[in-house]
Protein backbone atom coordinates (compact mmCIF):
# COMPACT_ATOMS: atom_id res chain seq x y z
CA MET A 1 -11.56 33.07 19.85
CA ALA A 2 -14.41 32.59 17.57
CA GLU A 3 -13.70 31.24 14.10
CA SER A 4 -14.65 34.25 11.29
CA ALA A 5 -16.79 33.32 8.37
CA ALA A 6 -13.99 33.73 5.95
CA GLU A 7 -11.11 31.48 7.90
CA HIS A 8 -14.28 28.81 8.13
CA THR A 9 -14.55 28.87 4.60
CA HIS A 10 -11.00 28.25 4.21
CA ARG A 11 -10.61 25.28 6.13
CA ALA A 12 -13.58 23.53 4.43
CA ILE A 13 -11.82 24.24 1.31
CA GLU A 14 -8.45 22.54 2.39
CA ALA A 15 -10.52 19.51 3.90
CA VAL A 16 -12.50 19.32 0.27
CA TYR A 17 -9.31 19.64 -1.79
CA ARG A 18 -7.45 16.98 0.48
CA ILE A 19 -10.55 15.06 0.03
CA GLU A 20 -10.51 15.48 -4.11
CA ARG A 21 -6.95 16.14 -4.70
CA ALA A 22 -6.67 12.71 -6.48
CA ARG A 23 -9.50 12.32 -8.62
CA LEU A 24 -8.91 16.22 -9.94
CA ILE A 25 -5.44 15.12 -11.01
CA ALA A 26 -6.28 11.91 -12.38
CA GLY A 27 -8.92 13.62 -14.69
CA LEU A 28 -6.67 16.02 -15.13
CA ALA A 29 -3.59 13.91 -16.61
CA ARG A 30 -5.91 11.75 -18.63
CA MET A 31 -7.17 14.91 -19.92
CA THR A 32 -3.26 16.40 -20.50
CA ARG A 33 -1.29 13.29 -20.68
CA ASP A 34 1.04 15.02 -18.79
CA VAL A 35 0.99 14.27 -14.30
CA ASP A 36 2.93 17.60 -14.00
CA ARG A 37 0.77 19.98 -15.49
CA ALA A 38 -2.00 17.97 -13.97
CA GLU A 39 -0.75 18.92 -10.44
CA GLU A 40 0.04 22.28 -11.33
CA LEU A 41 -3.82 22.90 -12.91
CA ALA A 42 -5.28 21.51 -9.59
CA GLN A 43 -3.05 23.34 -7.15
CA GLU A 44 -4.12 26.25 -9.79
CA ALA A 45 -7.54 25.26 -8.92
CA LEU A 46 -7.40 25.65 -5.30
CA LEU A 47 -5.86 28.98 -5.50
CA THR A 48 -9.13 29.83 -7.54
CA ALA A 49 -11.14 28.29 -5.09
CA LEU A 50 -9.07 30.34 -2.24
CA THR A 51 -10.47 33.48 -3.67
CA ASP A 52 -14.10 32.90 -4.87
CA TRP A 53 -15.45 30.90 -2.52
CA PRO A 54 -15.23 33.26 0.50
CA ARG A 55 -17.00 35.87 -1.74
CA MET A 56 -19.74 32.92 -3.29
CA GLY A 57 -19.63 30.57 -0.74
CA VAL A 58 -19.11 26.88 -1.11
CA PRO A 59 -20.71 25.27 -4.06
CA ASP A 60 -22.94 22.73 -4.08
CA ASN A 61 -20.86 20.26 -5.67
CA PRO A 62 -17.01 21.41 -4.88
CA ARG A 63 -15.26 18.76 -7.16
CA ALA A 64 -16.93 19.43 -10.41
CA TRP A 65 -16.43 23.27 -9.51
CA LEU A 66 -12.73 22.88 -9.18
CA MET A 67 -12.38 20.36 -12.22
CA ALA A 68 -14.39 22.94 -14.10
CA ALA A 69 -12.09 25.57 -12.94
CA ALA A 70 -8.90 23.88 -13.53
CA LYS A 71 -10.06 23.15 -17.38
CA ARG A 72 -10.44 26.22 -18.03
CA ARG A 73 -6.56 27.09 -17.12
CA ALA A 74 -5.76 23.89 -19.25
CA ILE A 75 -7.82 25.75 -22.04
CA ASP A 76 -6.51 28.87 -21.51
CA GLY A 77 -2.66 27.59 -21.87
CA PHE A 78 -3.48 25.63 -24.76
CA ARG A 79 -4.92 28.37 -26.31
CA ARG A 80 -1.45 30.49 -25.25
CA SER A 81 0.57 27.96 -26.97
CA ALA A 82 -1.41 28.05 -30.11
CA MET A 83 -1.63 24.47 -30.04
CA ALA A 84 -4.48 24.26 -32.61
CA SER A 85 -4.28 20.51 -32.00
CA ARG A 86 -7.40 18.22 -31.76
CA LYS A 87 -7.19 17.84 -27.95
CA HIS A 88 -7.05 21.44 -28.08
CA ASP A 89 -10.74 21.59 -30.52
CA GLU A 90 -12.15 18.56 -27.94
CA LEU A 91 -11.40 20.64 -24.97
CA ALA A 92 -13.00 23.69 -26.28
CA ARG A 93 -15.82 22.26 -27.15
CA ASP A 94 -16.72 19.87 -24.46
CA MET A 95 -16.46 22.99 -22.01
CA ASP A 96 -18.48 25.01 -24.85
CA GLU A 97 -21.47 22.42 -24.93
CA ALA A 98 -21.57 21.76 -21.22
CA ASP A 99 -21.95 25.45 -20.08
CA ASP A 100 -20.93 24.81 -17.37
CA SER A 101 -23.57 22.27 -16.01
CA VAL A 102 -22.25 20.22 -13.38
CA ALA A 103 -23.79 17.51 -14.88
CA ALA A 104 -22.14 17.67 -18.19
CA ILE A 105 -18.94 18.90 -16.37
CA GLU A 106 -18.98 15.58 -14.38
CA ALA A 107 -20.10 13.24 -17.50
CA ALA A 108 -16.96 15.11 -19.47
CA ILE A 109 -14.53 13.98 -16.40
CA ASP A 110 -15.86 10.46 -15.74
CA ASP A 111 -14.30 7.57 -18.44
CA GLU A 112 -16.42 4.38 -18.94
CA LEU A 113 -14.76 2.35 -16.61
CA GLY A 114 -16.52 4.98 -13.74
CA ASP A 115 -13.69 6.40 -11.98
CA GLU A 116 -10.74 8.03 -13.57
CA LEU A 117 -8.77 8.13 -10.49
CA LEU A 118 -8.37 4.05 -11.20
CA GLY A 119 -6.72 5.11 -14.39
CA LEU A 120 -4.31 7.10 -12.51
CA ILE A 121 -3.39 3.90 -10.09
CA PHE A 122 -2.66 1.97 -13.13
CA ALA A 123 -0.52 4.83 -14.22
CA ALA A 124 1.30 5.13 -11.60
CA CYS A 125 1.92 1.59 -11.14
CA HIS A 126 2.93 0.62 -14.54
CA PRO A 127 5.62 -1.62 -15.94
CA VAL A 128 7.44 1.01 -17.68
CA ILE A 129 8.07 2.66 -14.29
CA ALA A 130 10.92 1.31 -11.68
CA PRO A 131 9.55 -1.02 -9.03
CA GLU A 132 10.83 1.04 -6.15
CA ALA A 133 9.58 4.45 -8.00
CA ARG A 134 5.97 3.21 -8.32
CA ALA A 135 5.37 3.35 -4.63
CA ALA A 136 6.81 6.73 -4.57
CA LEU A 137 4.53 8.02 -7.73
CA THR A 138 1.65 6.39 -6.07
CA LEU A 139 1.73 7.60 -2.23
CA ARG A 140 2.31 11.42 -4.19
CA LEU A 141 -0.38 11.30 -6.66
CA VAL A 142 -3.58 8.71 -5.10
CA GLY A 143 -2.14 9.12 -1.52
CA GLY A 144 -1.04 13.36 -1.59
CA LEU A 145 1.93 13.04 0.61
CA THR A 146 4.74 15.33 0.13
CA VAL A 147 8.13 14.61 -0.78
CA GLU A 148 9.32 15.10 2.53
CA GLU A 149 6.97 12.89 3.93
CA ILE A 150 7.84 10.06 1.53
CA ALA A 151 11.39 10.48 2.30
CA ARG A 152 10.44 10.17 6.15
CA ALA A 153 8.22 7.21 5.41
CA PHE A 154 10.98 5.05 3.83
CA LEU A 155 14.12 6.37 5.67
CA SER A 156 15.18 8.00 2.34
CA ASN A 157 16.32 11.64 1.58
CA GLU A 158 14.41 14.63 -0.37
CA PRO A 159 16.18 14.53 -3.17
CA ALA A 160 16.36 10.87 -4.04
CA ILE A 161 12.94 10.32 -3.51
CA ALA A 162 12.37 13.60 -5.57
CA ALA A 163 14.31 12.24 -8.29
CA ARG A 164 12.38 8.69 -8.24
CA ILE A 165 9.11 10.54 -8.77
CA THR A 166 10.98 12.61 -11.88
CA ARG A 167 11.95 9.61 -13.31
CA ALA A 168 8.44 8.12 -13.22
CA LYS A 169 6.40 11.26 -14.61
CA LYS A 170 8.99 10.83 -17.32
CA ALA A 171 9.05 7.57 -18.22
CA ILE A 172 5.27 7.79 -18.65
CA ALA A 173 5.41 10.56 -20.96
CA LYS A 174 7.93 8.99 -22.85
CA ALA A 175 5.75 5.83 -23.13
CA GLY A 176 2.96 7.62 -23.93
CA VAL A 177 1.03 5.49 -21.17
CA ALA A 178 -2.70 6.28 -20.77
CA PHE A 179 -4.50 7.58 -17.52
CA GLU A 180 -7.33 4.12 -17.91
CA VAL A 181 -7.74 1.03 -16.75
CA PRO A 182 -5.74 -1.62 -19.43
CA ARG A 183 -8.27 -4.40 -20.89
CA GLY A 184 -7.75 -8.15 -21.06
CA ALA A 185 -4.81 -9.94 -20.46
CA GLU A 186 -3.41 -6.57 -20.10
CA LEU A 187 -5.37 -5.85 -16.92
CA ALA A 188 -4.20 -8.85 -15.07
CA ALA A 189 -1.12 -8.22 -15.70
CA ARG A 190 -1.38 -4.61 -14.50
CA ARG A 191 -3.60 -5.40 -11.72
CA ALA A 192 -0.67 -7.61 -9.86
CA SER A 193 1.48 -4.93 -10.57
CA VAL A 194 -0.91 -2.43 -8.55
CA LEU A 195 -1.47 -5.07 -5.51
CA GLU A 196 2.31 -5.47 -5.28
CA VAL A 197 3.31 -1.95 -5.01
CA VAL A 198 -0.17 -1.31 -2.60
CA TYR A 199 1.33 -4.53 -0.48
CA LEU A 200 4.73 -2.81 -0.97
CA ILE A 201 4.02 0.62 0.69
CA PHE A 202 2.04 -1.84 3.34
CA ASN A 203 4.83 -4.07 4.27
CA GLU A 204 7.32 -1.11 4.50
CA GLY A 205 4.81 -0.11 7.48
CA TYR A 206 3.94 -3.23 9.10
CA ALA A 207 8.12 -4.35 9.24
CA ALA A 208 10.25 -1.84 8.61
CA THR A 209 13.45 -2.90 6.66
CA ALA A 210 15.55 -0.14 8.57
CA GLY A 211 16.17 2.47 10.88
CA PRO A 212 15.31 2.77 14.65
CA SER A 213 11.47 1.98 14.50
CA LEU A 214 9.96 -1.33 14.50
CA VAL A 215 6.74 -0.28 12.73
CA ARG A 216 5.46 3.35 10.62
CA PRO A 217 1.85 3.18 10.98
CA PRO A 218 1.35 6.16 8.87
CA LEU A 219 2.33 4.09 6.17
CA CYS A 220 0.34 0.85 6.80
CA ALA A 221 -2.45 3.40 6.96
CA GLU A 222 -1.82 4.85 3.37
CA ALA A 223 -1.70 1.65 2.12
CA GLN A 224 -5.06 0.21 3.80
CA ARG A 225 -6.78 3.34 2.14
CA LEU A 226 -5.36 2.57 -0.85
CA GLY A 227 -6.77 -0.58 -0.63
CA ARG A 228 -10.29 0.44 0.24
CA ILE A 229 -10.64 2.38 -2.51
CA LEU A 230 -9.12 -0.27 -4.98
CA ALA A 231 -11.99 -2.61 -3.55
CA GLY A 232 -14.45 0.39 -3.81
CA LEU A 233 -13.66 0.74 -7.19
CA MET A 234 -12.98 -3.35 -8.57
CA PRO A 235 -15.65 -4.67 -5.95
CA ASP A 236 -15.81 -7.94 -7.64
CA GLU A 237 -12.08 -8.91 -7.72
CA PRO A 238 -11.36 -11.20 -5.24
CA GLU A 239 -7.49 -10.69 -5.21
CA VAL A 240 -7.95 -6.82 -4.20
CA LEU A 241 -10.30 -8.30 -1.42
CA GLY A 242 -7.81 -10.95 -0.36
CA LEU A 243 -5.20 -8.03 -0.13
CA LEU A 244 -7.67 -5.43 1.50
CA ALA A 245 -8.55 -8.62 4.42
CA LEU A 246 -4.70 -9.07 4.42
CA MET A 247 -4.00 -5.52 5.59
CA GLU A 248 -6.84 -4.86 7.85
CA ILE A 249 -6.16 -8.33 9.93
CA GLN A 250 -2.08 -7.53 10.07
CA ALA A 251 -2.72 -3.69 10.89
CA SER A 252 -5.14 -4.96 13.69
CA ARG A 253 -1.94 -5.82 15.23
CA LEU A 254 0.27 -3.09 15.07
CA VAL A 255 0.03 -1.28 18.38
CA ALA A 256 0.88 -5.07 19.77
CA ARG A 257 3.95 -5.82 17.72
CA ALA A 258 6.33 -3.73 19.87
CA GLY A 259 6.28 -2.95 23.73
CA PRO A 260 6.07 0.13 25.39
CA ASP A 261 9.83 0.78 25.25
CA GLY A 262 9.69 -0.11 21.62
CA ARG A 263 10.93 -3.33 21.35
CA PHE A 264 9.77 -6.29 19.16
CA VAL A 265 7.00 -8.80 20.85
CA PRO A 266 6.76 -11.64 18.35
CA LEU A 267 3.11 -12.81 17.40
CA THR A 268 3.17 -15.59 20.09
CA GLU A 269 3.76 -13.45 23.17
CA GLN A 270 2.02 -10.31 21.91
CA ASN A 271 -1.06 -9.15 24.13
CA ARG A 272 -4.17 -10.33 22.08
CA ALA A 273 -6.59 -7.67 24.16
CA ARG A 274 -4.79 -4.86 21.96
CA TRP A 275 -5.48 -6.25 18.75
CA ASP A 276 -7.99 -3.85 16.91
CA GLN A 277 -11.04 -5.65 16.33
CA LEU A 278 -12.60 -3.40 14.36
CA LEU A 279 -10.21 -4.11 11.78
CA ILE A 280 -10.43 -7.81 12.35
CA ARG A 281 -13.79 -7.62 11.39
CA ARG A 282 -13.40 -5.56 8.35
CA GLY A 283 -10.82 -7.97 7.21
CA LEU A 284 -12.86 -11.09 8.14
CA LYS A 285 -15.68 -9.89 6.35
CA ALA A 286 -13.16 -8.72 2.77
CA LEU A 287 -11.71 -12.46 2.88
CA GLU A 288 -15.23 -13.98 2.93
CA ARG A 289 -16.03 -11.95 -0.06
CA ALA A 290 -13.35 -12.87 -1.96
CA GLU A 291 -13.88 -16.43 -0.96
CA ALA A 292 -17.20 -16.50 -2.35
CA LEU A 293 -16.20 -14.87 -5.32
CA GLY A 294 -14.20 -17.71 -6.00
CA GLY A 295 -10.51 -16.50 -5.06
CA ALA A 296 -9.66 -18.74 -2.04
CA ASP A 297 -7.13 -20.01 -3.87
CA GLY A 298 -5.61 -16.45 -4.78
CA PRO A 299 -2.19 -15.31 -3.65
CA TYR A 300 -3.77 -12.59 -1.41
CA ALA A 301 -6.30 -14.63 0.03
CA LEU A 302 -4.38 -17.24 1.01
CA GLN A 303 -1.95 -14.81 3.03
CA ALA A 304 -5.23 -13.28 4.49
CA ALA A 305 -6.34 -16.80 5.71
CA LEU A 306 -3.44 -17.31 7.38
CA ALA A 307 -3.62 -14.01 9.02
CA ALA A 308 -7.83 -14.75 10.20
CA CYS A 309 -6.54 -18.07 11.71
CA HIS A 310 -4.47 -15.67 14.08
CA ALA A 311 -6.96 -13.29 14.26
CA ARG A 312 -9.62 -15.90 15.56
CA ALA A 313 -7.56 -17.38 18.14
CA ARG A 314 -7.87 -16.07 21.44
CA ARG A 315 -4.86 -17.16 23.24
CA ALA A 316 -1.52 -17.95 21.24
CA GLU A 317 -2.07 -21.94 22.24
CA ASP A 318 -5.33 -22.09 20.73
CA THR A 319 -3.48 -21.01 17.12
CA ASP A 320 -4.48 -23.76 14.34
CA TRP A 321 -0.86 -24.60 13.45
CA ALA A 322 -2.32 -27.52 11.27
CA ARG A 323 -4.74 -25.23 9.59
CA ILE A 324 -1.52 -22.59 8.61
CA ALA A 325 0.84 -25.44 7.69
CA GLY A 326 -2.35 -26.44 5.24
CA LEU A 327 -2.81 -23.59 4.09
CA TYR A 328 1.07 -22.58 3.79
CA ASP A 329 1.22 -26.01 1.43
CA ARG A 330 -1.43 -24.38 -0.86
CA LEU A 331 0.36 -21.10 -1.01
CA GLY A 332 4.14 -22.72 -2.11
CA GLN A 333 1.71 -24.44 -4.92
CA VAL A 334 -0.31 -20.80 -5.77
CA MET A 335 3.29 -18.37 -5.32
CA PRO A 336 6.46 -20.71 -5.24
CA SER A 337 9.11 -18.62 -3.35
CA PRO A 338 12.25 -19.33 -0.95
CA VAL A 339 10.00 -16.65 1.60
CA VAL A 340 7.27 -18.42 1.38
CA GLU A 341 8.99 -22.07 2.09
CA LEU A 342 10.97 -20.18 5.04
CA ASN A 343 7.26 -19.30 6.50
CA ARG A 344 5.96 -22.64 5.41
CA ALA A 345 9.03 -24.13 7.78
CA VAL A 346 8.03 -22.15 10.54
CA ALA A 347 4.37 -23.14 10.35
CA HIS A 348 5.56 -27.05 10.27
CA SER A 349 7.68 -26.61 13.07
CA MET A 350 5.12 -25.00 14.91
CA ALA A 351 2.55 -27.61 14.04
CA PHE A 352 4.53 -30.95 13.69
CA GLY A 353 7.94 -30.03 15.99
CA PRO A 354 10.95 -28.20 15.51
CA GLU A 355 12.62 -31.50 13.70
CA ALA A 356 10.11 -31.02 11.00
CA GLY A 357 10.96 -27.10 10.66
CA LEU A 358 14.79 -27.75 10.71
CA GLU A 359 14.16 -30.47 7.67
CA LEU A 360 12.34 -28.08 5.92
CA VAL A 361 14.90 -24.90 6.11
CA ASP A 362 18.00 -26.87 5.49
CA ALA A 363 16.47 -27.80 2.27
CA ILE A 364 16.21 -24.10 1.46
CA ALA A 365 19.10 -22.40 3.23
CA ASP A 366 21.39 -22.17 0.11
CA GLU A 367 18.99 -20.90 -1.98
CA ALA A 368 20.49 -17.04 -3.16
CA LEU A 369 17.62 -15.10 -2.29
CA LEU A 370 17.77 -16.23 1.64
CA ARG A 371 21.68 -15.76 1.66
CA ASN A 372 21.59 -12.57 3.61
CA TYR A 373 17.98 -12.71 4.76
CA ALA A 374 17.78 -12.29 8.53
CA PRO A 375 14.66 -14.39 8.65
CA LEU A 376 16.32 -17.57 7.76
CA PRO A 377 19.19 -17.85 10.44
CA ALA A 378 16.23 -16.15 12.95
CA ALA A 379 13.69 -18.75 12.37
CA ARG A 380 16.40 -22.01 12.14
CA GLY A 381 17.56 -20.70 15.86
CA ASP A 382 13.91 -20.88 17.09
CA PHE A 383 13.89 -24.10 15.70
CA LEU A 384 16.97 -25.43 17.11
CA PHE A 385 16.17 -23.60 20.55
CA ARG A 386 13.08 -25.23 20.79
CA ALA A 387 14.83 -28.66 20.18
CA GLY A 388 17.26 -27.96 23.17
CA ARG A 389 20.32 -27.46 20.77
CA LEU A 390 20.87 -24.27 22.52
CA GLY A 391 24.53 -24.00 21.44
CA GLU A 392 23.42 -24.14 17.33
CA ALA A 393 20.88 -21.76 18.23
CA LYS A 394 22.94 -18.91 20.06
CA ALA A 395 25.20 -18.95 16.65
CA ALA A 396 22.07 -18.70 14.62
CA PHE A 397 20.58 -15.52 16.20
CA GLU A 398 23.93 -13.96 16.13
CA THR A 399 23.92 -14.22 12.88
CA ALA A 400 20.61 -13.29 12.38
CA ALA A 401 21.66 -9.87 14.27
CA THR A 402 24.24 -9.62 12.00
CA LEU A 403 21.95 -9.41 9.10
CA ALA A 404 19.37 -7.21 10.64
CA ARG A 405 18.96 -3.77 9.15
CA ASN A 406 16.26 -2.98 11.94
CA ASP A 407 17.72 -1.72 15.72
CA ARG A 408 14.74 -3.17 17.36
CA GLU A 409 14.69 -6.11 15.08
CA ARG A 410 18.60 -6.72 16.35
CA GLU A 411 18.13 -6.32 19.43
CA TRP A 412 15.35 -9.00 19.74
CA LEU A 413 17.71 -11.14 17.77
CA LEU A 414 20.82 -10.43 20.36
CA ALA A 415 18.55 -11.27 23.08
CA ARG A 416 17.59 -14.28 22.30
CA ALA A 417 20.77 -15.47 21.50
CA MET A 418 21.46 -14.28 25.14
CA ARG A 419 18.85 -16.37 26.53
CA CYS A 420 20.49 -19.37 25.12
CA GLU A 421 22.99 -18.88 27.71
CA THR A 422 20.94 -18.36 30.69
CA ARG A 423 18.41 -21.13 29.88
């Protein structure tokens, strides 16, 4: 059945809104200093478009039209509440002088750093917001995900996610957070928070912490999209490019991380023909750019370089483990943490033998952060297995299985424990 002109226009409006929603909210939030009101105004602009565009046609610059409609509603709201404030005067004057000119409207909504969307991202990742709420708010405002989608992605319930988002919005309002990019030292500190949130979202998709599924590709896709937005807005920031490179290369392996039955497939056993070569090329290009900008020793760039070592190896046995061990040595100096040391132990075990790995892993066994961390006994079990100490390996794998929260990971660990009996 042929699609009517009205249906075609409605689909065009919805597509435009999905694309422009985040920028609309960003500009409106900066203007009103109220995230909830910004979301309402964006939605009201959509409803206006659904009424007007089928009659008048899709405008040449849909985003400017939607922003103009939203700004008019904002001004009406100020007037209705009798707020004769400076903001009211500024907004009204902007609109009067613009005289509905598309060029003037766009000039009014663009900030001096070139994109109000960047300001929204920095606001959503502000330190006044609890870390676990930053990811939810970022996915809601910038990613456009519904509360239901975010709850499903993080295996949480809708009321809990909605409460996180509400608390985050209140924290922004209470602290008077500006919807703009910070300057100087604050920029560096806040940028680290933004990158941390994006990578947290990606990691939850790449290695689900709990539940029946090993991976959650939609979360990875959202994080990659956010990373590409950031790289487009900050093209000369090495760590932004390093994070993008890391996510693209890791995402290239997503489909190969699980077998047909959903079971976990370790990196060394994956079918590399299933790796996405386009994502690998994108990642290597971003890494090359980060290194050219002098960012080779940044934490994300170093992790991307580690991922690149695997991406460049056509077969598992071609992996340059000595280089990977050296990169982990550098990463341990730049970003010291027990988890990095654990990964460093794995790399050294592969490069120099299982005994080298055991020596390093035993040195960090008492770290508080690793006390209930399944990958620690899992790694130790692997070293012991390769060293021929099967009884100890079996016990280590069983311990790891009791700590694992992901069902697929737990199944794989128990299978490895069984292999110790049958070898």
